[in-house]
C-alpha atoms as a PDB file:
ATOM      1  CA  MET A   1     -40.011   1.899  22.899  1.00  0.00           C
ATOM      2  CA  SER A   2     -38.245   4.306  25.250  1.00  0.00           C
ATOM      3  CA  LYS A   3     -37.267   7.804  24.187  1.00  0.00           C
ATOM      4  CA  ARG A   4     -33.589   6.820  24.311  1.00  0.00           C
ATOM      5  CA  ALA A   5     -34.209   3.733  22.157  1.00  0.00           C
ATOM      6  CA  GLU A   6     -36.031   5.926  19.615  1.00  0.00           C
ATOM      7  CA  LEU A   7     -33.095   8.332  19.525  1.00  0.00           C
ATOM      8  CA  ILE A   8     -30.563   5.512  19.125  1.00  0.00           C
ATOM      9  CA  ALA A   9     -32.604   4.190  16.177  1.00  0.00           C
ATOM     10  CA  LYS A  10     -32.587   7.700  14.659  1.00  0.00           C
ATOM     11  CA  TYR A  11     -28.799   7.975  15.100  1.00  0.00           C
ATOM     12  CA  ALA A  12     -28.289   4.518  13.560  1.00  0.00           C
ATOM     13  CA  GLU A  13     -30.359   5.592  10.561  1.00  0.00           C
ATOM     14  CA  ASP A  14     -28.208   8.727  10.145  1.00  0.00           C
ATOM     15  CA  LEU A  15     -25.048   6.604  10.236  1.00  0.00           C
ATOM     16  CA  LYS A  16     -26.466   4.277   7.562  1.00  0.00           C
ATOM     17  CA  SER A  17     -28.127   6.781   5.239  1.00  0.00           C
ATOM     18  CA  LYS A  18     -26.013   9.929   5.564  1.00  0.00           C
ATOM     19  CA  CYS A  19     -22.601   8.573   6.537  1.00  0.00           C
ATOM     20  CA  LYS A  20     -22.749   5.209   4.725  1.00  0.00           C
ATOM     21  CA  ILE A  21     -21.592   3.428   7.896  1.00  0.00           C
ATOM     22  CA  THR A  22     -23.109   0.263   9.336  1.00  0.00           C
ATOM     23  CA  PRO A  23     -23.151   1.024  13.055  1.00  0.00           C
ATOM     24  CA  ASP A  24     -22.034  -1.232  15.872  1.00  0.00           C
ATOM     25  CA  MET A  25     -25.312  -0.891  17.788  1.00  0.00           C
ATOM     26  CA  ALA A  26     -23.809  -1.814  21.172  1.00  0.00           C
ATOM     27  CA  LEU A  27     -21.147   0.885  20.810  1.00  0.00           C
ATOM     28  CA  LEU A  28     -23.662   3.435  19.492  1.00  0.00           C
ATOM     29  CA  GLU A  29     -25.864   2.782  22.521  1.00  0.00           C
ATOM     30  CA  LYS A  30     -22.915   3.264  24.904  1.00  0.00           C
ATOM     31  CA  VAL A  31     -21.836   6.482  23.166  1.00  0.00           C
ATOM     32  CA  THR A  32     -25.421   7.769  23.293  1.00  0.00           C
ATOM     33  CA  ILE A  33     -25.727   6.952  26.997  1.00  0.00           C
ATOM     34  CA  GLY A  34     -22.365   8.665  27.533  1.00  0.00           C
ATOM     35  CA  CYS A  35     -23.815  11.890  26.109  1.00  0.00           C
ATOM     36  CA  GLY A  36     -26.180  11.966  29.076  1.00  0.00           C
ATOM     37  CA  PRO A  37     -29.165  14.314  29.133  1.00  0.00           C
ATOM     38  CA  ALA A  38     -27.739  16.353  26.237  1.00  0.00           C
ATOM     39  CA  ILE A  39     -29.515  14.050  23.768  1.00  0.00           C
ATOM     40  CA  TYR A  40     -32.921  15.182  25.024  1.00  0.00           C
ATOM     41  CA  SER A  41     -32.383  18.879  24.246  1.00  0.00           C
ATOM     42  CA  ALA A  42     -32.721  20.037  20.641  1.00  0.00           C
ATOM     43  CA  ASP A  43     -29.874  22.521  21.112  1.00  0.00           C
ATOM     44  CA  SER A  44     -27.315  20.246  22.777  1.00  0.00           C
ATOM     45  CA  GLU A  45     -28.297  17.122  20.820  1.00  0.00           C
ATOM     46  CA  THR A  46     -26.562  18.498  17.731  1.00  0.00           C
ATOM     47  CA  VAL A  47     -23.043  19.713  17.008  1.00  0.00           C
ATOM     48  CA  ALA A  48     -22.830  23.155  15.425  1.00  0.00           C
ATOM     49  CA  ALA A  49     -20.158  22.361  12.860  1.00  0.00           C
ATOM     50  CA  SER A  50     -19.765  25.971  11.745  1.00  0.00           C
ATOM     51  CA  ASP A  51     -19.097  27.171  15.324  1.00  0.00           C
ATOM     52  CA  LYS A  52     -15.346  27.092  16.034  1.00  0.00           C
ATOM     53  CA  GLU A  53     -15.952  27.252  19.806  1.00  0.00           C
ATOM     54  CA  GLU A  54     -18.294  24.253  19.634  1.00  0.00           C
ATOM     55  CA  LEU A  55     -15.694  22.211  17.722  1.00  0.00           C
ATOM     56  CA  GLU A  56     -13.063  23.239  20.260  1.00  0.00           C
ATOM     57  CA  ARG A  57     -15.375  21.962  23.046  1.00  0.00           C
ATOM     58  CA  VAL A  58     -15.776  18.638  21.228  1.00  0.00           C
ATOM     59  CA  LYS A  59     -11.992  18.414  21.011  1.00  0.00           C
ATOM     60  CA  THR A  60     -11.348  19.338  24.647  1.00  0.00           C
ATOM     61  CA  ASN A  61     -14.271  17.728  26.456  1.00  0.00           C
ATOM     62  CA  PHE A  62     -14.728  14.609  24.360  1.00  0.00           C
ATOM     63  CA  LEU A  63     -11.491  13.721  22.580  1.00  0.00           C
ATOM     64  CA  MET A  64      -9.066  14.836  25.270  1.00  0.00           C
ATOM     65  CA  LYS A  65     -11.041  14.326  28.498  1.00  0.00           C
ATOM     66  CA  LYS A  66     -13.291  11.361  27.659  1.00  0.00           C
ATOM     67  CA  LEU A  67     -11.063   9.491  25.208  1.00  0.00           C
ATOM     68  CA  GLY A  68      -7.774  10.586  26.804  1.00  0.00           C
ATOM     69  CA  LEU A  69      -6.151  11.721  23.568  1.00  0.00           C
ATOM     70  CA  PRO A  70      -3.220  14.183  23.691  1.00  0.00           C
ATOM     71  CA  ASP A  71      -3.785  17.608  22.161  1.00  0.00           C
ATOM     72  CA  SER A  72      -2.547  17.768  18.585  1.00  0.00           C
ATOM     73  CA  PRO A  73      -3.646  19.106  15.190  1.00  0.00           C
ATOM     74  CA  LYS A  74      -4.806  15.549  14.378  1.00  0.00           C
ATOM     75  CA  LEU A  75      -7.780  16.006  16.710  1.00  0.00           C
ATOM     76  CA  MET A  76      -9.258  18.920  14.764  1.00  0.00           C
ATOM     77  CA  GLU A  77      -8.411  17.168  11.488  1.00  0.00           C
ATOM     78  CA  ALA A  78     -10.429  14.158  12.685  1.00  0.00           C
ATOM     79  CA  ILE A  79     -13.367  16.354  13.736  1.00  0.00           C
ATOM     80  CA  ASN A  80     -13.374  18.004  10.318  1.00  0.00           C
ATOM     81  CA  ALA A  81     -13.143  14.622   8.566  1.00  0.00           C
ATOM     82  CA  VAL A  82     -16.154  13.388  10.547  1.00  0.00           C
ATOM     83  CA  ILE A  83     -18.107  16.561   9.701  1.00  0.00           C
ATOM     84  CA  ASP A  84     -17.221  16.037   6.018  1.00  0.00           C
ATOM     85  CA  THR A  85     -18.395  12.408   6.203  1.00  0.00           C
ATOM     86  CA  TYR A  86     -21.666  13.497   7.819  1.00  0.00           C
ATOM     87  CA  GLY A  87     -22.042  16.223   5.196  1.00  0.00           C
ATOM     88  CA  ARG A  88     -21.287  19.875   5.854  1.00  0.00           C
ATOM     89  CA  SER A  89     -24.643  20.835   4.349  1.00  0.00           C
ATOM     90  CA  GLU A  90     -26.477  18.434   6.696  1.00  0.00           C
ATOM     91  CA  ARG A  91     -28.338  20.705   9.087  1.00  0.00           C
ATOM     92  CA  ASN A  92     -28.612  18.340  12.066  1.00  0.00           C
ATOM     93  CA  LYS A  93     -25.362  16.663  12.990  1.00  0.00           C
ATOM     94  CA  TYR A  94     -26.318  14.605  16.005  1.00  0.00           C
ATOM     95  CA  ARG A  95     -23.771  14.602  18.822  1.00  0.00           C
ATOM     96  CA  PRO A  96     -23.861  10.813  19.414  1.00  0.00           C
ATOM     97  CA  VAL A  97     -23.290  10.198  15.690  1.00  0.00           C
ATOM     98  CA  VAL A  98     -20.313  12.590  15.593  1.00  0.00           C
ATOM     99  CA  TYR A  99     -18.892  11.090  18.797  1.00  0.00           C
ATOM    100  CA  TYR A 100     -19.437   7.542  17.508  1.00  0.00           C
ATOM    101  CA  MET A 101     -17.477   8.305  14.326  1.00  0.00           C
ATOM    102  CA  LEU A 102     -14.686   9.914  16.369  1.00  0.00           C
ATOM    103  CA  VAL A 103     -14.476   6.860  18.653  1.00  0.00           C
ATOM    104  CA  LYS A 104     -14.197   4.617  15.570  1.00  0.00           C
ATOM    105  CA  HIS A 105     -11.711   6.981  13.883  1.00  0.00           C
ATOM    106  CA  PHE A 106      -9.325   6.819  16.838  1.00  0.00           C
ATOM    107  CA  GLY A 107     -10.015   3.146  17.650  1.00  0.00           C
ATOM    108  CA  LYS A 108     -11.058   4.084  21.187  1.00  0.00           C
ATOM    109  CA  GLU A 109     -13.936   1.623  21.562  1.00  0.00           C
ATOM    110  CA  LYS A 110     -12.359   0.443  24.825  1.00  0.00           C
ATOM    111  CA  ALA A 111     -13.316   3.787  26.403  1.00  0.00           C
ATOM    112  CA  TYR A 112     -16.858   2.404  26.365  1.00  0.00           C
ATOM    113  CA  ALA A 113     -16.064  -1.197  27.376  1.00  0.00           C
END
C-alpha cells in the first residue's frame, strides 16, 4: 500500500469514527491528491483550528481560490461548523478531512470532477 493510500484510509477512518460521515472514497481521494505534498508533513497535514490566521488561509486559499466561492461570512461559518463536527477538542484535524467536509457542505464536488 502506498503512503498516500495509507493516509486516505486514515482520513476515511476519521470521517467515519470522529465525524460520523460515510465518505465518498473517490471524492476523498481527489481532495487528498489536491492537497499535494502538504499531506506528507506533520505540520501542514493538519489544520490548526485555534489559529485565526490558519482559518483565514483555509477560507482564502481553499474556499475562494480552489472552490471559487465569493467572500462572505458564510465561509467562516462553514469552517467553524466543520471544526465543530470534527470536534474542537480533537487534536489532529487533518486537512483533507476538513476540505472534504467543506466540499460536501457547499456541494462543490464538481471542482474535483
